[in-house]
Amino acid sequence: MDLIAFSFLLLLSVKFGCSAGDNVLPDGPLDALLGKDLTINLLRPTEKGDIITWNYKGSASIGTVRDGTASIKDPYKGRASINTTDGSLTLKSLKSVDSGDYNVVIIRNTDTIPAEVKIRVLEPVSDVMIKSNLPEVIEYNSTVELTCSCKGSIESFTWTNDSKIIETDGKRFTVKSSVMSDTIEIPGKYSSKLTITDVQRYDLVGPIVCTAANSLQKESSAKFNLTVYYGPEDVTIKTSAPLKFVPSNSNFNLTCSASSKPAATFTWFYETKQIQATGPVLTLKVIEEQGFGHTLGNYKCVAQNDKTKRSVPSTAVQFSVMEAISGITLSGPKGILIADNSSAKLSCQATQGNVTDRVWLKDGKPLSPDSHVKFSNDSSSISIEVLKKEDNGEYICQLSNSVSSKEANFTMVVVYGPESPVVKGDKEVQLKTRVELTCSVSSVPPAKIIWKLNGTVIPGETKDTLIYNNIEYKHSGTYTCEASNELTGKSTNSPSLSVTVKENIDEGLSDGAIAGIVIGCLVAVGAAIALFFYCRGKVPVSSPY
């Protein structure tokens, strides 16, 4: 059937009536990929004697089936075929020009059944890529435009950030896309543009992916990341030790940190003066080498970002560098010191360090100035005009500042005595027992002792304790001790102590035995008295007259 005949059939179907074309062809559009085959099936079964004619865009005849035989027009020979059984049309190796409306007319007896469907030949999606209008972005300052381009027939674009769909919010995020419509297709002219205003650091961390799709396939771009420069912010300064006063020459340092991309650079300041140092760590050595630190003051760091051109200072920390105390000495008088005759001065000094506090101790107890002990104005020395025996002992001076504490000691020996000695011991002792007598005397240096019994010096006894391991009767008597001090030239005697040596009593007799002995003695005494008076009565007494 040629084009004139087909047009005549259409006119007849309009003038004399025709069956409805509903449910003859599937709903369109029918999509197929470029270069692939497509079969358009009839939804109604054909009947014997049907004449089926296929046309392209209502004007170009493709072919006809009549009496079980299909005839294909020259332009479609080798590319199109019509199934003589079910009337379906198959197009092979589709080209872009094959897109359009396809018509079928079924003539059955006196009925004419026309139908139409749209065919879209889609080019495969490929070469999806993202490009940015900026090579790098400054947070809050930049507006970035990402363009997604591709090849093929595109019906939609989707933007994702870390697999999450980026939605247009009408404020910072906008998406504009050009895609194919149902009626118009311009292959290779489709793209999508994602615009982000006042970019923030997490907007482009992504990865960002653009996906282009049509009804038959989709393809995604390579993962895209764009560096967003930001900061510095959260600039903080920390000390290696929380000290207001820092020991000189110690390992103390300051560390500055900031949130920044790229990493921040740092400048250090003492008050308003810049310290010649770089890097996030400022050591005490650098501070002291440049003459800073010996006055209490404020230190801070300033973080800079070379990309964002922003500078942010930290809060200030305050401290002072103080030299630790060392080389402490406590000096005192030399030579012999005599109580009630000599004077003394003790001086406590340190070769290094600023001393802020001085404490004096004597024998472990705090020493305070009074009428006897005088302190200098700065408490670096004490003086005693006339020494007493109580001034003997260990003196300690403690020097300290905020970073250190040191002490030194001096033992002062004051010569005195001897004071009145006293002999101590038991007054009654038992024969053949061990006996100790002590000569107690206060003296510095220790006194020389001489023991005497009944005024006679006991040879060889010069210690303050006189010992008898087996005392005898001859050791009974009056004991004294004489104490002398070679340095003071003084000598003194103790009061006497009388010691009596007695024989031991047998403590082994029982109470009954002792009572028997006492009774026996009383009986013997009574018998003797009775005998006396008896004998006296037997002797005649001469008369005085």
Protein backbone atom coordinates (compact mmCIF):
# COMPACT_ATOMS: atom_id res chain seq x y z
CA MET A 1 0.00 0.00 0.00
CA ASP A 2 1.47 3.30 -1.01
CA LEU A 3 1.16 6.60 0.80
CA ILE A 4 -1.81 7.75 -1.36
CA ALA A 5 -3.72 4.57 -0.64
CA PHE A 6 -3.00 4.83 3.11
CA SER A 7 -4.22 8.43 3.19
CA PHE A 8 -7.38 7.33 1.33
CA LEU A 9 -8.03 4.65 3.95
CA LEU A 10 -7.70 7.19 6.73
CA LEU A 11 -10.21 9.47 5.01
CA LEU A 12 -12.63 6.59 4.62
CA SER A 13 -12.28 5.65 8.29
CA VAL A 14 -13.15 9.19 9.25
CA LYS A 15 -16.08 9.51 6.83
CA PHE A 16 -17.68 6.10 7.16
CA GLY A 17 -16.56 5.12 10.65
CA CYS A 18 -13.84 2.91 12.14
CA SER A 19 -13.16 0.86 15.23
CA ALA A 20 -11.37 2.52 18.16
CA GLY A 21 -7.59 2.18 18.27
CA ASP A 22 -7.55 1.81 22.03
CA ASN A 23 -5.63 -1.17 23.31
CA VAL A 24 -4.00 -1.73 19.96
CA LEU A 25 -0.53 -0.41 20.83
CA PRO A 26 1.17 -0.01 24.22
CA ASP A 27 1.26 3.41 25.84
CA GLY A 28 4.23 5.45 24.77
CA PRO A 29 6.72 6.67 24.63
CA LEU A 30 8.63 3.48 24.01
CA ASP A 31 12.34 3.94 24.73
CA ALA A 32 15.22 2.08 23.12
CA LEU A 33 18.95 2.62 23.07
CA LEU A 34 20.75 3.84 20.00
CA GLY A 35 22.04 0.89 17.95
CA LYS A 36 19.74 -1.63 19.61
CA ASP A 37 16.65 -3.42 18.22
CA LEU A 38 13.05 -2.56 19.11
CA THR A 39 9.85 -4.58 18.58
CA ILE A 40 6.46 -2.83 18.74
CA ASN A 41 3.87 -5.45 19.62
CA LEU A 42 0.15 -5.25 18.89
CA LEU A 43 -2.01 -5.65 21.94
CA ARG A 44 -4.93 -7.08 19.89
CA PRO A 45 -4.66 -10.49 18.22
CA THR A 46 -4.78 -10.42 14.46
CA GLU A 47 -7.30 -12.35 12.36
CA LYS A 48 -7.02 -14.08 9.04
CA GLY A 49 -7.63 -11.65 6.24
CA ASP A 50 -6.41 -8.59 8.23
CA ILE A 51 -4.47 -6.01 6.30
CA ILE A 52 -1.84 -4.38 8.58
CA THR A 53 0.08 -1.30 7.52
CA TRP A 54 2.94 0.41 9.51
CA ASN A 55 3.96 4.05 8.89
CA TYR A 56 6.50 6.46 10.36
CA LYS A 57 5.27 9.91 11.42
CA GLY A 58 2.08 9.33 9.38
CA SER A 59 3.81 9.97 6.10
CA ALA A 60 6.55 7.41 5.43
CA SER A 61 5.27 3.91 4.84
CA ILE A 62 7.34 1.14 6.39
CA GLY A 63 5.50 -1.96 5.15
CA THR A 64 2.25 -3.94 4.89
CA VAL A 65 1.01 -7.47 5.68
CA ARG A 66 -1.64 -8.82 3.27
CA ASP A 67 -2.79 -12.40 2.83
CA GLY A 68 -0.04 -13.65 5.12
CA THR A 69 2.71 -11.92 3.16
CA ALA A 70 4.76 -8.92 4.40
CA SER A 71 6.17 -6.33 2.04
CA ILE A 72 8.76 -3.77 3.28
CA LYS A 73 9.36 -0.45 1.55
CA ASP A 74 12.79 0.18 0.12
CA PRO A 75 14.02 2.67 2.79
CA TYR A 76 13.43 0.08 5.50
CA LYS A 77 14.50 -3.09 3.77
CA GLY A 78 17.11 -4.87 5.88
CA ARG A 79 16.24 -2.69 8.92
CA ALA A 80 12.55 -3.43 9.51
CA SER A 81 10.38 -6.53 9.54
CA ILE A 82 6.67 -7.21 10.19
CA ASN A 83 5.62 -10.43 11.81
CA THR A 84 2.95 -12.01 9.59
CA THR A 85 1.43 -13.88 12.51
CA ASP A 86 0.93 -11.18 15.17
CA GLY A 87 1.57 -8.03 13.09
CA SER A 88 4.40 -6.71 15.32
CA LEU A 89 7.00 -4.33 13.85
CA THR A 90 10.73 -4.84 14.56
CA LEU A 91 13.30 -2.10 13.89
CA LYS A 92 16.96 -3.12 13.94
CA SER A 93 20.09 -1.06 14.72
CA LEU A 94 18.12 2.00 15.76
CA LYS A 95 19.31 5.43 14.71
CA SER A 96 18.55 8.80 16.22
CA VAL A 97 16.34 9.62 13.24
CA ASP A 98 14.16 6.67 14.15
CA SER A 99 12.67 8.64 17.03
CA GLY A 100 9.11 9.80 16.38
CA ASP A 101 5.50 8.71 16.02
CA TYR A 102 4.70 5.32 14.50
CA ASN A 103 1.21 4.54 13.10
CA VAL A 104 -0.47 1.22 12.46
CA VAL A 105 -3.76 0.67 10.52
CA ILE A 106 -5.59 -2.64 10.69
CA ILE A 107 -8.29 -3.22 8.01
CA ARG A 108 -10.61 -5.98 9.05
CA ASN A 109 -13.54 -6.58 6.73
CA THR A 110 -15.24 -3.19 6.63
CA ASP A 111 -13.54 -1.87 9.77
CA THR A 112 -10.43 0.26 9.87
CA ILE A 113 -8.50 0.30 13.17
CA PRO A 114 -5.79 3.01 13.41
CA ALA A 115 -3.34 3.42 16.35
CA GLU A 116 -0.20 5.46 17.13
CA VAL A 117 2.78 5.25 19.56
CA LYS A 118 5.85 7.45 20.19
CA ILE A 119 9.29 5.92 19.95
CA ARG A 120 12.36 7.56 21.54
CA VAL A 121 15.81 6.41 20.54
CA LEU A 122 18.07 7.29 23.47
CA GLU A 123 21.77 7.82 23.23
CA PRO A 124 23.70 5.97 26.00
CA VAL A 125 24.70 8.04 29.04
CA SER A 126 28.47 8.54 29.25
CA ASP A 127 31.32 10.86 30.20
CA VAL A 128 29.58 12.27 33.29
CA MET A 129 31.93 14.72 34.98
CA ILE A 130 31.92 17.61 37.43
CA LYS A 131 33.78 20.88 36.98
CA SER A 132 34.08 23.79 39.39
CA ASN A 133 34.28 27.47 38.62
CA LEU A 134 36.82 27.83 41.45
CA PRO A 135 39.96 25.80 42.17
CA GLU A 136 39.69 26.44 45.92
CA VAL A 137 37.13 28.00 48.19
CA ILE A 138 37.20 30.29 51.23
CA GLU A 139 34.59 29.49 53.84
CA TYR A 140 31.77 32.07 54.09
CA ASN A 141 33.40 34.17 51.34
CA SER A 142 32.99 32.06 48.19
CA THR A 143 30.12 31.06 45.94
CA VAL A 144 30.95 27.89 44.05
CA GLU A 145 29.28 26.63 40.88
CA LEU A 146 29.61 22.93 40.08
CA THR A 147 28.63 21.96 36.54
CA CYS A 148 27.77 18.38 35.67
CA SER A 149 28.19 17.64 31.95
CA CYS A 150 27.72 14.38 30.09
CA LYS A 151 26.90 12.73 26.77
CA GLY A 152 23.71 10.95 25.83
CA SER A 153 19.99 11.39 26.26
CA ILE A 154 19.40 12.69 29.78
CA GLU A 155 16.10 12.90 31.56
CA SER A 156 17.32 13.75 35.05
CA PHE A 157 20.33 14.78 37.16
CA THR A 158 20.85 13.94 40.83
CA TRP A 159 23.45 15.55 43.12
CA THR A 160 24.62 13.73 46.26
CA ASN A 161 26.97 14.59 49.09
CA ASP A 162 28.30 11.49 50.83
CA SER A 163 25.41 9.53 49.29
CA LYS A 164 22.83 12.01 50.61
CA ILE A 165 20.76 13.86 48.03
CA ILE A 166 21.44 17.59 47.87
CA GLU A 167 18.13 19.39 47.93
CA THR A 168 17.53 22.90 46.67
CA ASP A 169 16.71 25.10 49.66
CA GLY A 170 16.26 28.37 47.77
CA LYS A 171 18.91 30.03 49.88
CA ARG A 172 22.39 28.54 49.79
CA PHE A 173 21.77 25.53 47.55
CA THR A 174 20.24 25.84 44.06
CA VAL A 175 20.17 23.34 41.20
CA LYS A 176 19.37 24.18 37.57
CA SER A 177 19.28 21.39 35.01
CA SER A 178 18.54 21.12 31.27
CA VAL A 179 17.17 17.72 30.28
CA MET A 180 15.34 16.15 27.34
CA SER A 181 11.57 16.54 27.14
CA ASP A 182 9.01 14.22 25.73
CA THR A 183 8.95 16.11 22.45
CA ILE A 184 12.38 17.71 22.10
CA GLU A 185 15.75 16.03 22.32
CA ILE A 186 19.12 17.73 21.81
CA PRO A 187 21.74 15.05 22.49
CA GLY A 188 24.93 16.31 24.12
CA LYS A 189 23.33 19.60 25.25
CA TYR A 190 22.19 18.47 28.67
CA SER A 191 23.84 19.62 31.93
CA SER A 192 23.14 20.52 35.54
CA LYS A 193 24.57 23.31 37.68
CA LEU A 194 24.77 23.15 41.49
CA THR A 195 25.35 26.56 43.08
CA ILE A 196 26.40 26.85 46.74
CA THR A 197 26.45 30.35 48.21
CA ASP A 198 28.62 31.25 51.25
CA VAL A 199 30.27 27.85 51.20
CA GLN A 200 30.88 26.14 54.53
CA ARG A 201 33.65 23.66 55.27
CA TYR A 202 31.45 20.57 55.23
CA ASP A 203 29.53 21.45 52.06
CA LEU A 204 32.14 19.99 49.73
CA VAL A 205 33.81 17.35 51.86
CA GLY A 206 31.55 14.82 50.17
CA PRO A 207 32.46 13.21 48.11
CA ILE A 208 30.15 15.07 45.71
CA VAL A 209 28.68 12.88 42.95
CA CYS A 210 26.49 13.81 39.96
CA THR A 211 24.32 11.08 38.44
CA ALA A 212 22.81 11.49 34.94
CA ALA A 213 19.98 9.15 33.96
CA ASN A 214 17.29 8.31 31.46
CA SER A 215 14.63 5.64 31.56
CA LEU A 216 17.01 2.90 30.49
CA GLN A 217 20.31 3.65 32.22
CA LYS A 218 22.24 5.95 34.49
CA GLU A 219 25.85 6.82 35.11
CA SER A 220 27.64 8.69 37.91
CA SER A 221 30.59 11.03 37.82
CA ALA A 222 33.86 10.39 39.59
CA LYS A 223 33.86 11.42 43.22
CA PHE A 224 34.52 15.12 43.48
CA ASN A 225 36.06 17.01 46.38
CA LEU A 226 36.90 20.66 46.59
CA THR A 227 39.13 22.09 49.29
CA VAL A 228 37.42 24.62 51.53
CA TYR A 229 39.84 26.81 53.45
CA TYR A 230 38.70 28.04 56.86
CA GLY A 231 39.90 29.42 60.16
CA PRO A 232 41.77 30.02 62.22
CA GLU A 233 39.32 29.61 65.06
CA ASP A 234 39.27 28.14 68.57
CA VAL A 235 42.76 29.54 69.14
CA THR A 236 43.97 28.33 72.56
CA ILE A 237 47.21 28.59 74.47
CA LYS A 238 48.32 26.03 77.06
CA THR A 239 51.19 25.94 79.52
CA SER A 240 53.18 22.80 80.22
CA ALA A 241 52.58 23.45 83.94
CA PRO A 242 49.96 25.68 85.58
CA LEU A 243 52.42 28.04 87.26
CA LYS A 244 52.32 31.77 87.90
CA PHE A 245 56.05 31.69 88.58
CA VAL A 246 58.25 29.55 86.37
CA PRO A 247 61.70 28.24 87.35
CA SER A 248 64.45 29.69 85.20
CA ASN A 249 66.19 27.23 82.83
CA SER A 250 63.38 24.69 83.25
CA ASN A 251 61.55 22.71 80.54
CA PHE A 252 58.52 25.01 80.73
CA ASN A 253 56.87 25.87 77.40
CA LEU A 254 53.73 27.33 75.81
CA THR A 255 51.72 25.55 73.12
CA CYS A 256 49.31 27.28 70.75
CA SER A 257 46.65 25.42 68.76
CA ALA A 258 43.91 26.43 66.31
CA SER A 259 41.33 24.89 64.03
CA SER A 260 42.44 25.92 60.56
CA LYS A 261 42.87 24.73 56.97
CA PRO A 262 45.56 24.97 55.86
CA ALA A 263 47.33 24.66 59.22
CA ALA A 264 47.77 28.01 60.92
CA THR A 265 51.09 29.75 61.44
CA PHE A 266 51.77 31.40 64.79
CA THR A 267 53.28 34.62 66.09
CA TRP A 268 54.13 35.08 69.78
CA PHE A 269 53.87 38.21 71.91
CA TYR A 270 54.88 39.38 75.37
CA GLU A 271 52.44 42.16 76.13
CA THR A 272 52.67 44.15 72.85
CA LYS A 273 56.25 43.11 72.00
CA GLN A 274 56.72 40.39 69.43
CA ILE A 275 58.89 37.44 70.39
CA GLN A 276 61.12 36.21 67.58
CA ALA A 277 59.80 32.66 67.41
CA THR A 278 57.75 30.56 65.00
CA GLY A 279 55.79 27.38 65.33
CA PRO A 280 53.12 26.26 67.77
CA VAL A 281 55.55 25.75 70.71
CA LEU A 282 57.38 28.56 72.52
CA THR A 283 60.09 27.34 74.90
CA LEU A 284 61.27 29.07 78.05
CA LYS A 285 64.78 29.02 76.63
CA VAL A 286 63.70 31.28 73.73
CA ILE A 287 61.82 33.56 76.14
CA GLU A 288 64.87 34.02 78.38
CA GLU A 289 67.33 34.36 75.51
CA GLN A 290 65.35 37.36 74.25
CA GLY A 291 65.26 38.97 77.69
CA PHE A 292 61.61 38.34 78.46
CA GLY A 293 60.01 36.73 81.46
CA HIS A 294 61.64 38.32 84.49
CA THR A 295 58.69 40.66 84.97
CA LEU A 296 55.18 39.33 85.52
CA GLY A 297 53.34 39.82 82.23
CA ASN A 298 50.93 38.46 79.63
CA TYR A 299 51.86 36.07 76.83
CA LYS A 300 49.67 35.28 73.85
CA CYS A 301 49.86 33.75 70.39
CA VAL A 302 48.23 34.94 67.16
CA ALA A 303 47.18 32.34 64.59
CA GLN A 304 47.22 33.26 60.89
CA ASN A 305 45.80 31.51 57.82
CA ASP A 306 47.61 32.38 54.60
CA LYS A 307 44.61 31.40 52.45
CA THR A 308 41.76 33.04 54.34
CA LYS A 309 43.99 36.00 55.34
CA ARG A 310 42.50 35.88 58.81
CA SER A 311 44.37 36.38 62.11
CA VAL A 312 42.95 35.45 65.51
CA PRO A 313 44.66 35.97 68.91
CA SER A 314 44.47 33.58 71.82
CA THR A 315 43.57 34.53 75.35
CA ALA A 316 46.60 35.59 77.39
CA VAL A 317 48.43 33.60 80.05
CA GLN A 318 50.34 35.38 82.79
CA PHE A 319 53.54 34.25 84.48
CA SER A 320 56.97 35.39 85.56
CA VAL A 321 60.30 33.62 85.22
CA MET A 322 62.10 33.25 88.55
CA GLU A 323 65.58 31.94 89.19
CA ALA A 324 65.72 29.00 91.57
CA ILE A 325 67.66 29.41 94.82
CA SER A 326 71.04 27.69 94.95
CA GLY A 327 74.39 27.95 96.71
CA ILE A 328 72.84 28.47 100.17
CA THR A 329 75.25 28.73 103.15
CA LEU A 330 74.69 29.35 106.84
CA SER A 331 77.80 30.81 108.49
CA GLY A 332 78.38 31.32 112.22
CA PRO A 333 81.05 32.25 114.75
CA LYS A 334 84.34 30.37 114.91
CA GLY A 335 86.39 29.58 117.98
CA ILE A 336 85.28 28.83 121.52
CA LEU A 337 82.04 30.41 122.70
CA ILE A 338 81.68 30.90 126.44
CA ALA A 339 78.26 31.33 128.04
CA ASP A 340 77.71 34.74 129.66
CA ASN A 341 80.87 35.94 127.96
CA SER A 342 80.72 35.46 124.14
CA SER A 343 78.42 36.80 121.41
CA ALA A 344 77.37 35.19 118.08
CA LYS A 345 76.08 36.14 114.66
CA LEU A 346 74.59 33.71 112.11
CA SER A 347 74.23 34.75 108.46
CA CYS A 348 72.24 32.89 105.77
CA GLN A 349 72.95 33.68 102.10
CA ALA A 350 72.38 32.22 98.63
CA THR A 351 74.61 32.70 95.61
CA GLN A 352 71.71 32.53 93.09
CA GLY A 353 68.00 33.17 93.09
CA ASN A 354 65.70 35.88 94.35
CA VAL A 355 64.86 35.08 97.97
CA THR A 356 61.35 36.12 98.91
CA ASP A 357 60.98 34.36 102.24
CA ARG A 358 63.33 33.43 105.11
CA VAL A 359 62.51 31.16 108.04
CA TRP A 360 64.78 30.37 111.02
CA LEU A 361 64.54 27.22 113.10
CA LYS A 362 66.36 26.08 116.25
CA ASP A 363 66.30 22.41 117.06
CA GLY A 364 63.43 21.99 114.61
CA LYS A 365 61.23 24.69 116.12
CA PRO A 366 60.53 28.16 114.68
CA LEU A 367 62.86 30.87 115.95
CA SER A 368 61.47 34.37 116.38
CA PRO A 369 63.17 37.65 117.29
CA ASP A 370 63.02 38.70 120.96
CA SER A 371 65.11 40.63 123.48
CA HIS A 372 67.76 37.92 123.41
CA VAL A 373 67.85 37.02 119.69
CA LYS A 374 67.96 39.91 117.21
CA PHE A 375 67.00 39.60 113.50
CA SER A 376 68.35 41.81 110.71
CA ASN A 377 65.84 43.85 108.68
CA ASP A 378 65.73 41.30 105.87
CA SER A 379 66.03 38.33 108.28
CA SER A 380 69.19 37.22 106.51
CA SER A 381 71.09 37.12 109.82
CA ILE A 382 70.50 36.77 113.56
CA SER A 383 72.73 37.96 116.40
CA ILE A 384 72.98 37.17 120.12
CA GLU A 385 74.88 39.71 122.19
CA VAL A 386 75.51 37.54 125.25
CA LEU A 387 75.27 33.79 124.77
CA LYS A 388 73.54 31.51 127.21
CA LYS A 389 73.77 27.81 127.66
CA GLU A 390 70.28 27.53 126.09
CA ASP A 391 71.72 28.84 122.83
CA ASN A 392 73.39 25.49 122.22
CA GLY A 393 71.79 23.54 119.36
CA GLU A 394 71.20 23.19 115.62
CA TYR A 395 70.17 26.32 113.70
CA ILE A 396 68.49 26.02 110.31
CA CYS A 397 67.70 28.76 107.82
CA GLN A 398 65.18 28.10 105.05
CA LEU A 399 65.26 30.32 101.94
CA SER A 400 62.43 30.12 99.41
CA ASN A 401 60.74 31.79 96.50
CA SER A 402 57.82 30.81 94.31
CA VAL A 403 59.77 28.17 92.41
CA SER A 404 62.24 26.69 94.92
CA SER A 405 63.15 26.14 98.57
CA LYS A 406 66.56 25.44 100.10
CA GLU A 407 67.94 25.17 103.64
CA ALA A 408 71.27 25.10 105.44
CA ASN A 409 72.23 24.30 109.05
CA PHE A 410 74.82 25.33 111.64
CA THR A 411 75.49 23.69 115.01
CA MET A 412 76.45 26.21 117.71
CA VAL A 413 78.37 25.00 120.75
CA VAL A 414 78.28 27.29 123.80
CA VAL A 415 80.71 26.30 126.57
CA TYR A 416 79.38 26.51 130.14
CA GLY A 417 79.47 24.76 133.53
CA PRO A 418 79.87 22.66 135.27
CA GLU A 419 76.77 23.38 137.23
CA SER A 420 76.26 21.82 140.69
CA PRO A 421 76.64 18.04 140.38
CA VAL A 422 74.37 15.60 142.18
CA VAL A 423 75.21 12.02 143.23
CA LYS A 424 72.33 9.66 142.64
CA GLY A 425 71.99 6.10 143.89
CA ASP A 426 70.56 3.83 146.66
CA LYS A 427 71.48 4.71 150.25
CA GLU A 428 71.22 1.10 151.49
CA VAL A 429 72.57 -1.75 149.43
CA GLN A 430 73.11 -5.46 150.01
CA LEU A 431 76.47 -7.06 150.30
CA LYS A 432 77.90 -8.71 147.14
CA THR A 433 75.41 -7.01 144.77
CA ARG A 434 75.94 -4.74 141.78
CA VAL A 435 75.64 -1.08 142.67
CA GLU A 436 75.73 2.02 140.44
CA LEU A 437 76.20 5.61 141.58
CA THR A 438 75.75 8.46 139.07
CA CYS A 439 77.25 11.92 139.10
CA SER A 440 74.72 14.06 137.25
CA VAL A 441 76.12 17.38 136.07
CA SER A 442 75.35 19.83 133.22
CA SER A 443 78.42 21.01 131.34
CA VAL A 444 79.71 21.73 127.81
CA PRO A 445 82.04 20.15 127.04
CA PRO A 446 81.23 17.21 129.37
CA ALA A 447 82.80 17.74 132.80
CA LYS A 448 85.80 15.80 134.12
CA ILE A 449 84.65 13.70 137.12
CA ILE A 450 86.53 12.72 140.30
CA TRP A 451 84.87 10.34 142.80
CA LYS A 452 85.57 10.49 146.53
CA LEU A 453 84.71 8.11 149.38
CA ASN A 454 84.80 9.66 152.83
CA GLY A 455 86.77 12.54 151.34
CA THR A 456 89.39 10.32 149.71
CA VAL A 457 89.74 10.17 145.94
CA ILE A 458 88.83 6.81 144.47
CA PRO A 459 91.67 6.03 142.02
CA GLY A 460 90.84 5.47 138.36
CA GLU A 461 87.18 6.50 138.60
CA THR A 462 86.69 9.43 136.17
CA LYS A 463 83.41 8.56 134.55
CA ASP A 464 80.07 9.98 135.56
CA THR A 465 78.98 6.50 136.71
CA LEU A 466 80.69 4.60 139.58
CA ILE A 467 80.05 0.85 139.43
CA TYR A 468 80.63 -1.90 142.05
CA ASN A 469 79.96 -5.35 140.65
CA ASN A 470 80.29 -7.02 144.17
CA ILE A 471 80.06 -4.33 146.79
CA GLU A 472 81.74 -4.98 150.16
CA TYR A 473 81.40 -3.61 153.68
CA LYS A 474 84.43 -1.41 153.11
CA HIS A 475 82.50 0.47 150.40
CA SER A 476 80.10 1.84 152.98
CA GLY A 477 80.54 5.55 153.62
CA THR A 478 79.97 9.06 152.25
CA TYR A 479 80.27 9.58 148.49
CA THR A 480 80.83 12.85 146.59
CA CYS A 481 81.81 13.74 143.03
CA GLU A 482 83.85 16.68 141.84
CA ALA A 483 83.11 18.08 138.35
CA SER A 484 85.49 20.38 136.45
CA ASN A 485 85.45 22.07 132.98
CA GLU A 486 88.86 22.68 131.44
CA LEU A 487 87.54 25.43 129.10
CA THR A 488 85.68 27.47 131.71
CA GLY A 489 88.23 26.65 134.47
CA LYS A 490 85.38 26.00 136.87
CA SER A 491 85.17 23.15 139.39
CA THR A 492 82.45 22.22 141.86
CA ASN A 493 81.58 19.44 144.34
CA SER A 494 78.33 17.61 144.78
CA PRO A 495 76.45 17.17 148.06
CA SER A 496 77.33 13.86 149.73
CA LEU A 497 75.38 10.61 149.56
CA SER A 498 75.75 8.11 152.43
CA VAL A 499 75.70 4.48 151.36
CA THR A 500 75.38 1.57 153.85
CA VAL A 501 76.30 -2.00 152.90
CA LYS A 502 74.28 -4.66 154.72
CA GLU A 503 74.43 -8.46 154.89
CA ASN A 504 71.87 -10.44 152.96
CA ILE A 505 68.83 -11.92 154.75
CA ASP A 506 67.99 -15.50 153.79
CA GLU A 507 64.74 -15.09 152.13
CA GLY A 508 64.38 -18.89 151.74
CA LEU A 509 62.83 -19.52 155.31
CA SER A 510 59.12 -19.97 155.55
CA ASP A 511 56.92 -17.91 157.81
CA GLY A 512 56.56 -20.88 160.25
CA ALA A 513 60.30 -21.36 160.51
CA ILE A 514 60.79 -17.67 161.24
CA ALA A 515 58.05 -17.82 163.90
CA GLY A 516 59.72 -20.90 165.48
CA ILE A 517 63.07 -19.17 165.64
CA VAL A 518 61.48 -16.10 167.29
CA ILE A 519 59.62 -18.26 169.83
CA GLY A 520 62.78 -20.27 170.55
CA CYS A 521 64.70 -17.08 171.19
CA LEU A 522 62.00 -15.80 173.55
CA VAL A 523 61.99 -19.12 175.47
CA ALA A 524 65.76 -19.02 175.80
CA VAL A 525 65.65 -15.47 177.10
CA GLY A 526 62.93 -16.39 179.59
CA ALA A 527 64.89 -19.42 180.89
CA ALA A 528 67.97 -17.30 181.38
CA ILE A 529 66.04 -14.74 183.45
CA ALA A 530 64.48 -17.46 185.59
CA LEU A 531 67.88 -19.07 186.24
CA PHE A 532 69.25 -15.71 187.26
CA PHE A 533 66.65 -15.15 189.94
CA TYR A 534 66.91 -18.77 191.14
CA CYS A 535 70.62 -18.56 191.68
CA ARG A 536 70.31 -15.27 193.42
CA GLY A 537 67.90 -16.78 195.92
CA LYS A 538 70.34 -19.53 196.92
CA VAL A 539 73.23 -17.22 197.79
CA PRO A 540 73.10 -15.87 201.42
CA VAL A 541 73.09 -12.14 201.71
CA SER A 542 75.23 -10.64 204.46
CA SER A 543 73.63 -8.08 206.76
CA PRO A 544 74.91 -4.56 206.57
CA TYR A 545 74.71 -4.27 210.24
